[in-house]
Amino acid sequence: MSSTTTEAAPKTLPGKTWTSTGKNNITATDALRVVILVTAALVALVPIVWLVLGAFKTPTELSARPPLLLPESWGLSNYTDALTRFDFTTYLFNSTVVTIAATALTLAINSMAAYALAKYNFRGKNGLFLLTLATIMIPLQVILIPVYQVVASLGMVNTLWGLIIPAAATPTGVFILRQYMLSIPDELIEAARVDGSGEFRTFIQIVLPMCRPALAVVAILSIMWRWNDFLWPLVVAQSETVYTLPVALARFTAEETVPFNLIIAMSVVSILPVIILFLFFQRQIVTGIANTGIK
């Protein structure tokens, strides 16, 4: 009995790709896109790198022409001088308290407003939502005096509460959370109600955990806004004990001899928390922004 042996034809391996995870070969368009993105990222990093390098330079090196790329010494004298010359810890404490408290209050108010606009049916809901969105077009400078009068009548001028409460509700946060909550099935909320769950319990234990990506986006935006806010703290904070970091940095520029090296060092310290926070939560930010536009 004769047997025939058939050899299997060798398989052709897929071509190597840019990330070695797909089956398509690299095209000129892919390479051009990568080059453009890398170039844009490098251009965006140039000011940050220049700021960090400037934090190690002396006033003479900062005023040199042509500018010096690298400092002659990599000592931390600028940071130590800034901490000893100015009440940096107080400004940092004020900025931290205002940012954390205002962000927590913003998440609480915006999430409840967004839940009502997304899941409750009542007369005038769409008009109220459009009115909320319309307030995005009103800059702070237009309502600065009326808001200040309200804060003054409540006795919150020159207090941290005057920096925290006025901007607690943000239309941008309501919009982001409302759009995300629209993707939550109504049947899930109805099932919770049938099981005897109250409205507040349903909101806390079911809706909010499902909105973590959107909450992360609103939290990051709120932190960046409060941490870098300058105009409103400048108006409300009338003593150094209530100054935040942006106001303190601006005050130093009014001195007879402006210590640019110390201001740059303090600026580096002030941007570090926001950068670190973004690096840790960038995935939640991208996911939340992407899911916000579903409906």
Protein backbone atom coordinates (compact mmCIF):
# COMPACT_ATOMS: atom_id res chain seq x y z
CA MET A 1 0.00 0.00 0.00
CA SER A 2 1.63 3.23 -1.13
CA SER A 3 1.33 6.39 0.76
CA THR A 4 1.84 9.83 -0.60
CA THR A 5 3.25 12.58 1.47
CA THR A 6 2.12 16.10 0.77
CA GLU A 7 4.14 18.94 2.11
CA ALA A 8 2.24 21.98 3.25
CA ALA A 9 3.12 25.17 1.48
CA PRO A 10 5.11 27.56 3.65
CA LYS A 11 3.01 30.31 5.16
CA THR A 12 3.82 33.86 4.29
CA LEU A 13 4.37 35.96 7.37
CA PRO A 14 2.61 39.32 7.43
CA GLY A 15 4.72 42.32 6.76
CA LYS A 16 6.21 44.17 9.67
CA THR A 17 4.13 47.13 10.72
CA TRP A 18 4.86 50.32 12.62
CA THR A 19 3.72 48.86 15.93
CA SER A 20 4.13 45.15 14.99
CA THR A 21 0.52 44.45 16.05
CA GLY A 22 -1.37 44.80 12.79
CA LYS A 23 -1.28 43.15 9.37
CA ASN A 24 -0.88 46.15 7.10
CA ASN A 25 2.46 47.48 6.01
CA ILE A 26 3.62 50.94 6.92
CA THR A 27 2.52 53.54 4.42
CA ALA A 28 3.90 56.96 3.66
CA THR A 29 0.79 58.49 5.23
CA ASP A 30 1.41 56.65 8.51
CA ALA A 31 5.03 57.75 8.61
CA LEU A 32 4.07 61.35 7.83
CA ARG A 33 1.43 61.33 10.56
CA VAL A 34 3.93 60.06 13.11
CA VAL A 35 6.48 62.68 12.08
CA ILE A 36 3.92 65.48 12.38
CA LEU A 37 2.71 64.30 15.81
CA VAL A 38 6.24 63.88 17.16
CA THR A 39 7.22 67.32 15.85
CA ALA A 40 4.14 68.93 17.41
CA ALA A 41 4.88 67.22 20.73
CA LEU A 42 8.48 68.45 20.70
CA VAL A 43 7.36 72.00 19.89
CA ALA A 44 4.89 71.89 22.79
CA LEU A 45 7.61 70.66 25.15
CA VAL A 46 10.12 73.40 24.25
CA PRO A 47 8.62 76.07 26.60
CA ILE A 48 8.44 73.59 29.48
CA VAL A 49 12.03 72.44 28.99
CA TRP A 50 13.18 76.06 28.74
CA LEU A 51 11.32 76.88 31.96
CA VAL A 52 12.92 73.97 33.82
CA LEU A 53 16.40 74.94 32.58
CA GLY A 54 15.78 78.56 33.54
CA ALA A 55 14.99 77.52 37.11
CA PHE A 56 18.68 76.63 37.56
CA LYS A 57 20.08 79.82 36.03
CA THR A 58 21.25 82.96 37.77
CA PRO A 59 19.84 86.41 36.90
CA THR A 60 23.01 87.09 34.86
CA GLU A 61 22.53 83.92 32.84
CA LEU A 62 18.86 84.70 32.24
CA SER A 63 19.72 88.14 30.84
CA ALA A 64 22.61 86.91 28.68
CA ARG A 65 22.50 87.67 24.97
CA PRO A 66 22.46 85.38 23.08
CA PRO A 67 20.52 83.22 25.53
CA LEU A 68 22.37 80.36 27.19
CA LEU A 69 20.86 76.93 26.68
CA LEU A 70 22.27 75.24 29.78
CA PRO A 71 23.04 76.76 33.19
CA GLU A 72 26.61 76.82 34.44
CA SER A 73 25.58 75.25 37.74
CA TRP A 74 22.80 72.76 38.52
CA GLY A 75 22.38 73.80 42.14
CA LEU A 76 19.05 74.24 43.91
CA SER A 77 19.82 77.72 45.22
CA ASN A 78 16.90 79.30 43.34
CA TYR A 79 14.44 76.91 44.97
CA THR A 80 15.87 77.33 48.45
CA ASP A 81 16.00 81.13 48.11
CA ALA A 82 12.39 81.22 46.91
CA LEU A 83 11.24 79.11 49.86
CA THR A 84 13.07 81.30 52.38
CA ARG A 85 12.41 84.71 50.84
CA PHE A 86 8.69 84.29 50.21
CA ASP A 87 5.97 82.60 52.25
CA PHE A 88 5.73 79.88 49.65
CA THR A 89 4.22 77.26 51.94
CA THR A 90 1.26 79.52 52.73
CA TYR A 91 0.58 80.19 49.04
CA LEU A 92 0.89 76.50 48.24
CA PHE A 93 -1.44 75.59 51.10
CA ASN A 94 -4.05 78.12 49.96
CA SER A 95 -3.92 76.90 46.35
CA THR A 96 -4.21 73.27 47.47
CA VAL A 97 -7.18 73.91 49.78
CA VAL A 98 -9.02 76.02 47.21
CA THR A 99 -8.40 73.53 44.42
CA ILE A 100 -9.44 70.43 46.37
CA ALA A 101 -12.50 71.98 48.02
CA ALA A 102 -13.73 73.71 44.86
CA THR A 103 -13.24 70.56 42.77
CA ALA A 104 -15.16 68.41 45.27
CA LEU A 105 -17.99 70.94 45.37
CA THR A 106 -17.99 71.18 41.57
CA LEU A 107 -18.27 67.42 41.14
CA ALA A 108 -21.15 67.22 43.64
CA ILE A 109 -23.21 70.08 42.15
CA ASN A 110 -22.51 69.34 38.49
CA SER A 111 -23.22 65.62 38.79
CA MET A 112 -26.60 66.21 40.45
CA ALA A 113 -27.58 68.83 37.88
CA ALA A 114 -26.45 66.58 35.03
CA TYR A 115 -28.41 63.63 36.42
CA ALA A 116 -31.60 65.68 36.58
CA LEU A 117 -31.12 66.96 33.02
CA ALA A 118 -30.27 63.51 31.65
CA LYS A 119 -32.72 61.16 33.39
CA TYR A 120 -35.67 63.21 34.63
CA ASN A 121 -38.53 64.30 32.38
CA PHE A 122 -40.00 67.67 33.31
CA ARG A 123 -41.35 70.68 31.47
CA GLY A 124 -38.68 73.08 30.27
CA LYS A 125 -35.81 70.58 30.60
CA ASN A 126 -34.36 71.29 27.16
CA GLY A 127 -34.71 75.03 27.61
CA LEU A 128 -32.96 74.86 30.96
CA PHE A 129 -30.15 72.82 29.41
CA LEU A 130 -29.74 75.33 26.57
CA LEU A 131 -29.73 78.18 29.08
CA THR A 132 -26.98 76.38 31.03
CA LEU A 133 -24.91 75.99 27.87
CA ALA A 134 -25.46 79.64 26.98
CA THR A 135 -23.70 80.72 30.16
CA ILE A 136 -20.46 79.30 28.72
CA MET A 137 -20.35 82.32 26.38
CA ILE A 138 -20.47 84.79 29.30
CA PRO A 139 -16.90 85.65 30.42
CA LEU A 140 -16.06 86.28 34.05
CA GLN A 141 -15.21 89.92 33.35
CA VAL A 142 -18.87 90.64 32.50
CA ILE A 143 -20.26 89.34 35.81
CA LEU A 144 -17.24 90.16 37.96
CA ILE A 145 -18.78 93.15 39.77
CA PRO A 146 -22.19 91.54 40.53
CA VAL A 147 -20.53 88.35 41.80
CA TYR A 148 -18.15 90.38 43.93
CA GLN A 149 -21.06 92.31 45.44
CA VAL A 150 -22.79 89.05 46.35
CA VAL A 151 -19.60 87.66 47.90
CA ALA A 152 -19.06 90.92 49.83
CA SER A 153 -22.63 90.89 51.15
CA LEU A 154 -22.06 87.37 52.47
CA GLY A 155 -18.83 88.42 54.20
CA MET A 156 -16.61 86.11 52.16
CA VAL A 157 -14.18 88.72 50.83
CA ASN A 158 -10.57 87.98 51.76
CA THR A 159 -11.45 84.41 52.78
CA LEU A 160 -10.79 81.06 51.17
CA TRP A 161 -14.54 80.43 50.99
CA GLY A 162 -14.81 83.43 48.70
CA LEU A 163 -12.44 81.65 46.32
CA ILE A 164 -14.18 78.28 46.57
CA ILE A 165 -17.94 78.81 46.45
CA PRO A 166 -18.68 81.34 43.64
CA ALA A 167 -17.42 79.15 40.78
CA ALA A 168 -18.64 75.82 42.14
CA ALA A 169 -21.19 75.11 39.38
CA THR A 170 -19.71 75.09 35.88
CA PRO A 171 -21.76 74.70 32.68
CA THR A 172 -18.93 72.77 31.03
CA GLY A 173 -18.98 70.17 33.78
CA VAL A 174 -22.78 69.86 33.59
CA PHE A 175 -22.57 69.35 29.82
CA ILE A 176 -19.85 66.68 30.00
CA LEU A 177 -21.59 64.70 32.75
CA ARG A 178 -25.03 65.05 31.21
CA GLN A 179 -23.82 63.76 27.83
CA TYR A 180 -22.14 60.81 29.50
CA MET A 181 -25.19 59.97 31.63
CA LEU A 182 -27.32 59.76 28.50
CA SER A 183 -25.43 56.58 27.61
CA ILE A 184 -26.54 54.89 30.86
CA PRO A 185 -29.58 52.64 30.13
CA ASP A 186 -32.79 53.89 31.67
CA GLU A 187 -33.74 50.25 32.36
CA LEU A 188 -30.90 50.01 34.88
CA ILE A 189 -32.25 52.93 36.87
CA GLU A 190 -35.80 51.63 36.62
CA ALA A 191 -34.69 48.22 37.91
CA ALA A 192 -33.07 49.87 40.91
CA ARG A 193 -36.28 51.75 41.65
CA VAL A 194 -38.31 48.54 41.40
CA ASP A 195 -35.95 46.91 43.89
CA GLY A 196 -36.75 49.67 46.36
CA SER A 197 -33.71 51.88 45.90
CA GLY A 198 -34.33 55.55 46.57
CA GLU A 199 -33.37 58.29 44.15
CA PHE A 200 -30.34 59.44 46.09
CA ARG A 201 -29.12 55.89 46.68
CA THR A 202 -29.53 55.09 42.98
CA PHE A 203 -27.58 58.18 42.10
CA ILE A 204 -24.75 57.47 44.54
CA GLN A 205 -24.38 53.71 44.17
CA ILE A 206 -25.29 53.13 40.52
CA VAL A 207 -25.00 56.28 38.42
CA LEU A 208 -21.85 57.85 39.84
CA PRO A 209 -19.70 54.67 39.70
CA MET A 210 -20.62 54.32 36.01
CA CYS A 211 -19.60 57.92 35.36
CA ARG A 212 -16.03 57.65 36.65
CA PRO A 213 -14.38 58.54 33.30
CA ALA A 214 -16.53 61.66 32.91
CA LEU A 215 -16.00 62.60 36.55
CA ALA A 216 -12.25 62.29 36.00
CA VAL A 217 -12.45 64.68 33.04
CA VAL A 218 -14.44 67.25 35.01
CA ALA A 219 -12.09 66.87 37.98
CA ILE A 220 -8.98 67.43 35.86
CA LEU A 221 -10.49 70.48 34.14
CA SER A 222 -11.59 71.89 37.49
CA ILE A 223 -8.18 71.32 39.07
CA MET A 224 -6.37 73.00 36.18
CA TRP A 225 -8.77 75.93 36.26
CA ARG A 226 -8.66 76.50 40.02
CA TRP A 227 -4.93 75.93 40.30
CA ASN A 228 -4.14 78.46 37.55
CA ASP A 229 -6.97 80.93 38.22
CA PHE A 230 -5.70 84.47 38.62
CA LEU A 231 -8.38 87.12 38.11
CA TRP A 232 -10.93 86.07 40.74
CA PRO A 233 -8.35 85.37 43.50
CA LEU A 234 -6.72 88.70 42.69
CA VAL A 235 -10.02 90.50 43.36
CA VAL A 236 -11.13 88.54 46.43
CA ALA A 237 -7.79 87.91 48.17
CA GLN A 238 -6.75 91.23 49.70
CA SER A 239 -4.04 90.02 52.10
CA GLU A 240 -1.02 87.79 51.68
CA THR A 241 -2.44 85.17 54.02
CA VAL A 242 -5.12 84.39 51.41
CA TYR A 243 -2.96 84.66 48.28
CA THR A 244 -2.80 81.69 45.93
CA LEU A 245 0.27 80.83 43.88
CA PRO A 246 -0.69 82.75 40.68
CA VAL A 247 -1.46 85.91 42.67
CA ALA A 248 1.77 85.58 44.67
CA LEU A 249 3.84 85.13 41.52
CA ALA A 250 2.25 88.21 39.96
CA ARG A 251 2.98 90.24 43.09
CA PHE A 252 6.67 89.44 42.87
CA THR A 253 6.83 91.02 39.40
CA ALA A 254 5.84 94.36 40.93
CA GLU A 255 8.99 94.61 43.00
CA GLU A 256 11.63 97.17 42.16
CA THR A 257 14.09 94.43 41.21
CA VAL A 258 12.18 91.54 39.70
CA PRO A 259 13.69 88.18 40.81
CA PHE A 260 13.06 86.31 37.59
CA ASN A 261 15.16 83.35 38.67
CA LEU A 262 13.04 82.87 41.80
CA ILE A 263 9.79 83.39 39.92
CA ILE A 264 10.79 80.74 37.38
CA ALA A 265 11.71 78.31 40.16
CA MET A 266 8.34 78.86 41.86
CA SER A 267 6.59 78.49 38.50
CA VAL A 268 8.19 75.08 38.01
CA VAL A 269 6.99 73.96 41.43
CA SER A 270 3.48 75.28 40.75
CA ILE A 271 3.04 73.36 37.47
CA LEU A 272 4.34 70.04 38.79
CA PRO A 273 1.09 68.94 40.55
CA VAL A 274 -1.00 69.48 37.41
CA ILE A 275 1.47 67.62 35.19
CA ILE A 276 1.72 64.69 37.59
CA LEU A 277 -2.06 64.50 37.91
CA PHE A 278 -2.50 64.50 34.15
CA LEU A 279 0.10 61.74 33.68
CA PHE A 280 -1.69 59.50 36.19
CA PHE A 281 -5.24 60.09 34.85
CA GLN A 282 -4.64 60.63 31.14
CA ARG A 283 -6.37 57.36 30.23
CA GLN A 284 -9.53 58.34 32.12
CA ILE A 285 -9.45 61.77 30.49
CA VAL A 286 -9.27 60.36 26.97
CA THR A 287 -11.97 57.76 27.70
CA GLY A 288 -14.29 60.32 29.26
CA ILE A 289 -13.93 62.84 26.45
CA ALA A 290 -14.43 60.13 23.81
CA ASN A 291 -17.57 58.74 25.47
CA THR A 292 -19.01 62.21 26.05
CA GLY A 293 -19.72 62.67 22.36
CA ILE A 294 -21.68 59.41 21.94
CA LYS A 295 -25.08 61.10 22.29
